[in-house]
Amino acid sequence: MIRVALAGGIGSGKSAATAYLRGRGYVVVDADEVAREVVRPGRAAFEALVDAFGPGVLDPAGSIDRAFLAAVVFADPTARRRVEAITHPRIAEAMAAALEEATGDVAFAALPLYRAEHRALLGLDEVWALEVSPATALARLCADRGMDPADARARLAAQVTNEVRRRLADRVIDNEGPLEDLRRAIDDALDALGVGMPRG
């Protein structure tokens, strides 16, 4: 099976890309979805986060308050590194296991924080970088997600640049245009990969 990473920062269109691929029948293991699973109450990452940040990191239902935690890590690089040290190894382990269970000719791993070491950790064959300009990402975050502009800028600033992501990728998929253009670009990338409609 071919394994392909979809790398893209916040506002780059990963959700639209993964929805399209899933609609075509491909397996997509999404790091954001896996991240929500690994911090559920009772899991090791949950306990480690509470130990690191105290009970204030919990919402009224006793789960990790993801909005609060996000606000903390985007404002404090030290806190971000602590959260990443707790969650990233567990996310990578869960994603690797999910990819092992996948069927078909190709499976995808959606990674907002793609790093070079993911190639070996997840056994990746290719990396596709979804790319938009910072201005487009900011506009989408504010319009589509209703984010405060200052918060959106802080989150964008905490990510690697397009240039860094591009150097790590085998293919760059421009997503400045409409959804139809994104779907066409994904189809072209699939054709170049040499896979037809998924089986399994």
Protein backbone atom coordinates (compact mmCIF):
# COMPACT_ATOMS: atom_id res chain seq x y z
CA MET A 1 0.00 0.00 0.00
CA ILE A 2 1.15 3.52 -0.83
CA ARG A 3 1.07 5.94 2.10
CA VAL A 4 0.73 9.65 1.42
CA ALA A 5 0.82 12.54 3.89
CA LEU A 6 -1.41 15.55 3.40
CA ALA A 7 0.57 18.34 5.05
CA GLY A 8 -0.98 21.72 5.53
CA GLY A 9 -1.29 24.39 8.14
CA ILE A 10 -4.43 25.82 9.63
CA GLY A 11 -6.66 27.33 6.96
CA SER A 12 -4.95 25.46 4.12
CA GLY A 13 -7.94 23.30 3.24
CA LYS A 14 -7.02 19.94 4.77
CA SER A 15 -10.60 19.32 5.83
CA ALA A 16 -11.87 19.88 2.29
CA ALA A 17 -9.14 17.63 0.89
CA THR A 18 -9.77 14.81 3.36
CA ALA A 19 -13.54 15.02 2.81
CA TYR A 20 -13.03 14.68 -0.94
CA LEU A 21 -10.64 11.73 -0.58
CA ARG A 22 -12.97 9.98 1.84
CA GLY A 23 -15.85 10.63 -0.52
CA ARG A 24 -13.89 8.79 -3.20
CA GLY A 25 -13.43 5.86 -0.84
CA TYR A 26 -9.87 6.37 0.35
CA VAL A 27 -8.77 5.82 3.93
CA VAL A 28 -7.66 9.05 5.62
CA VAL A 29 -6.13 8.97 9.10
CA ASP A 30 -6.51 12.50 10.42
CA ALA A 31 -4.08 13.68 13.09
CA ASP A 32 -6.64 16.14 14.49
CA GLU A 33 -9.16 13.34 15.00
CA VAL A 34 -6.53 11.05 16.51
CA ALA A 35 -5.42 13.89 18.82
CA ARG A 36 -8.93 14.12 20.25
CA GLU A 37 -8.92 10.38 20.92
CA VAL A 38 -5.55 10.20 22.70
CA VAL A 39 -6.55 12.85 25.26
CA ARG A 40 -9.85 11.28 26.26
CA PRO A 41 -10.30 10.76 30.03
CA GLY A 42 -8.50 7.67 31.24
CA ARG A 43 -5.91 7.71 28.47
CA ALA A 44 -2.23 8.19 29.32
CA ALA A 45 -2.01 11.56 27.54
CA PHE A 46 -5.02 12.82 29.51
CA GLU A 47 -3.36 11.97 32.82
CA ALA A 48 -0.05 13.50 31.71
CA LEU A 49 -1.72 16.77 30.63
CA VAL A 50 -3.55 17.11 33.95
CA ASP A 51 -0.29 16.41 35.80
CA ALA A 52 1.51 19.04 33.71
CA PHE A 53 -1.09 21.82 33.74
CA GLY A 54 -3.34 21.07 36.70
CA PRO A 55 -7.14 20.71 36.93
CA GLY A 56 -7.61 24.07 35.20
CA VAL A 57 -7.03 22.29 31.90
CA LEU A 58 -10.35 20.42 32.32
CA ASP A 59 -13.77 21.55 31.15
CA PRO A 60 -16.88 21.23 33.40
CA ALA A 61 -17.48 17.69 32.10
CA GLY A 62 -14.02 16.58 33.18
CA SER A 63 -12.51 16.34 29.70
CA ILE A 64 -9.53 18.26 28.36
CA ASP A 65 -10.65 21.81 27.52
CA ARG A 66 -9.14 21.91 24.04
CA ALA A 67 -9.94 25.59 23.48
CA PHE A 68 -8.24 26.55 26.75
CA LEU A 69 -5.24 24.35 26.02
CA ALA A 70 -4.91 25.77 22.51
CA ALA A 71 -4.96 29.32 23.89
CA VAL A 72 -2.22 28.41 26.36
CA VAL A 73 0.10 26.69 23.87
CA PHE A 74 -0.22 29.36 21.21
CA ALA A 75 0.66 32.04 23.74
CA ASP A 76 3.51 30.18 25.44
CA PRO A 77 6.20 28.32 23.45
CA THR A 78 7.34 26.43 26.56
CA ALA A 79 3.81 25.19 27.20
CA ARG A 80 3.51 24.21 23.55
CA ARG A 81 6.65 22.10 23.77
CA ARG A 82 5.32 20.38 26.89
CA VAL A 83 2.02 19.56 25.21
CA GLU A 84 3.77 18.31 22.08
CA ALA A 85 6.10 16.09 24.13
CA ILE A 86 3.07 14.51 25.78
CA THR A 87 0.78 14.15 22.79
CA HIS A 88 2.87 13.82 19.62
CA PRO A 89 4.44 10.41 20.31
CA ARG A 90 1.03 8.98 21.21
CA ILE A 91 -0.61 10.51 18.14
CA ALA A 92 2.11 9.11 15.88
CA GLU A 93 1.76 5.66 17.45
CA ALA A 94 -2.03 5.65 16.98
CA MET A 95 -1.75 6.90 13.39
CA ALA A 96 0.82 4.25 12.52
CA ALA A 97 -1.48 1.56 13.91
CA ALA A 98 -4.44 2.90 11.92
CA LEU A 99 -2.41 2.96 8.71
CA GLU A 100 -1.34 -0.64 9.32
CA GLU A 101 -5.01 -1.62 9.44
CA ALA A 102 -5.97 0.30 6.29
CA THR A 103 -6.94 -1.50 3.11
CA GLY A 104 -6.75 -0.48 -0.55
CA ASP A 105 -4.03 0.76 -2.88
CA VAL A 106 -3.30 4.01 -1.03
CA ALA A 107 -3.98 5.53 2.39
CA PHE A 108 -3.56 9.12 3.52
CA ALA A 109 -2.33 10.71 6.74
CA ALA A 110 -3.56 14.28 7.31
CA LEU A 111 -0.90 16.13 9.31
CA PRO A 112 -1.20 19.80 10.24
CA LEU A 113 2.23 19.78 11.89
CA TYR A 114 4.18 17.66 9.41
CA ARG A 115 7.84 17.11 10.30
CA ALA A 116 10.60 15.33 8.39
CA GLU A 117 10.65 12.46 10.89
CA HIS A 118 7.05 11.56 9.99
CA ARG A 119 8.34 9.82 6.84
CA ALA A 120 9.97 7.11 8.91
CA LEU A 121 7.46 7.15 11.79
CA LEU A 122 4.49 6.54 9.47
CA GLY A 123 6.25 4.76 6.63
CA LEU A 124 5.30 7.47 4.13
CA ASP A 125 5.96 7.14 0.41
CA GLU A 126 5.01 10.70 -0.56
CA VAL A 127 4.14 14.03 1.03
CA TRP A 128 1.63 16.42 -0.55
CA ALA A 129 1.64 19.96 0.84
CA LEU A 130 -1.59 21.92 0.65
CA GLU A 131 -0.63 25.56 0.29
CA VAL A 132 -2.37 28.91 0.56
CA SER A 133 -0.97 32.35 1.23
CA PRO A 134 -1.02 33.60 4.84
CA ALA A 135 -3.57 36.23 3.78
CA THR A 136 -5.90 33.57 2.36
CA ALA A 137 -5.51 31.39 5.44
CA LEU A 138 -6.30 34.35 7.70
CA ALA A 139 -9.39 35.28 5.67
CA ARG A 140 -10.68 31.71 5.75
CA LEU A 141 -10.14 31.31 9.47
CA CYS A 142 -12.03 34.50 10.21
CA ALA A 143 -14.84 33.93 7.68
CA ASP A 144 -15.32 30.16 7.91
CA ARG A 145 -14.47 29.50 11.55
CA GLY A 146 -15.39 32.85 13.04
CA MET A 147 -11.99 33.24 14.66
CA ASP A 148 -10.83 36.52 16.08
CA PRO A 149 -8.22 38.00 13.68
CA ALA A 150 -5.61 38.38 16.43
CA ASP A 151 -6.09 34.76 17.50
CA ALA A 152 -5.92 33.58 13.90
CA ARG A 153 -2.68 35.53 13.29
CA ALA A 154 -1.12 34.04 16.44
CA ARG A 155 -1.97 30.51 15.30
CA LEU A 156 -0.61 31.13 11.82
CA ALA A 157 2.58 32.61 13.26
CA ALA A 158 3.13 29.48 15.38
CA GLN A 159 3.30 27.27 12.28
CA VAL A 160 6.17 26.58 9.92
CA THR A 161 6.19 28.70 6.77
CA ASN A 162 5.04 27.58 3.34
CA GLU A 163 8.68 27.62 2.25
CA VAL A 164 9.69 25.15 4.97
CA ARG A 165 6.71 22.89 4.27
CA ARG A 166 7.42 23.01 0.54
CA ARG A 167 10.99 21.80 1.06
CA LEU A 168 9.69 18.74 2.89
CA ALA A 169 7.06 17.87 0.26
CA ASP A 170 7.13 15.80 -2.91
CA ARG A 171 4.18 17.70 -4.40
CA VAL A 172 2.65 21.10 -3.65
CA ILE A 173 -1.10 21.48 -4.16
CA ASP A 174 -2.14 25.11 -4.53
CA ASN A 175 -5.48 25.75 -2.81
CA GLU A 176 -5.98 29.45 -3.43
CA GLY A 177 -8.92 28.86 -5.76
CA PRO A 178 -12.39 27.31 -5.50
CA LEU A 179 -13.17 23.80 -4.28
CA GLU A 180 -13.41 22.49 -7.85
CA ASP A 181 -9.78 23.46 -8.45
CA LEU A 182 -8.66 21.64 -5.31
CA ARG A 183 -10.51 18.47 -6.33
CA ARG A 184 -8.99 18.64 -9.81
CA ALA A 185 -5.51 19.04 -8.35
CA ILE A 186 -6.04 16.04 -6.07
CA ASP A 187 -7.25 13.97 -9.04
CA ASP A 188 -4.11 14.96 -10.94
CA ALA A 189 -1.95 13.94 -7.98
CA LEU A 190 -3.71 10.58 -7.75
CA ASP A 191 -3.19 10.01 -11.46
CA ALA A 192 0.51 10.82 -11.06
CA LEU A 193 0.67 8.35 -8.20
CA GLY A 194 -0.65 5.68 -10.55
CA VAL A 195 -3.72 4.69 -8.56
CA GLY A 196 -7.26 4.37 -9.86
CA MET A 197 -10.46 4.22 -7.88
CA PRO A 198 -9.79 2.66 -4.47
CA ARG A 199 -10.48 -0.98 -3.78
CA GLY A 200 -11.28 -2.68 -0.50
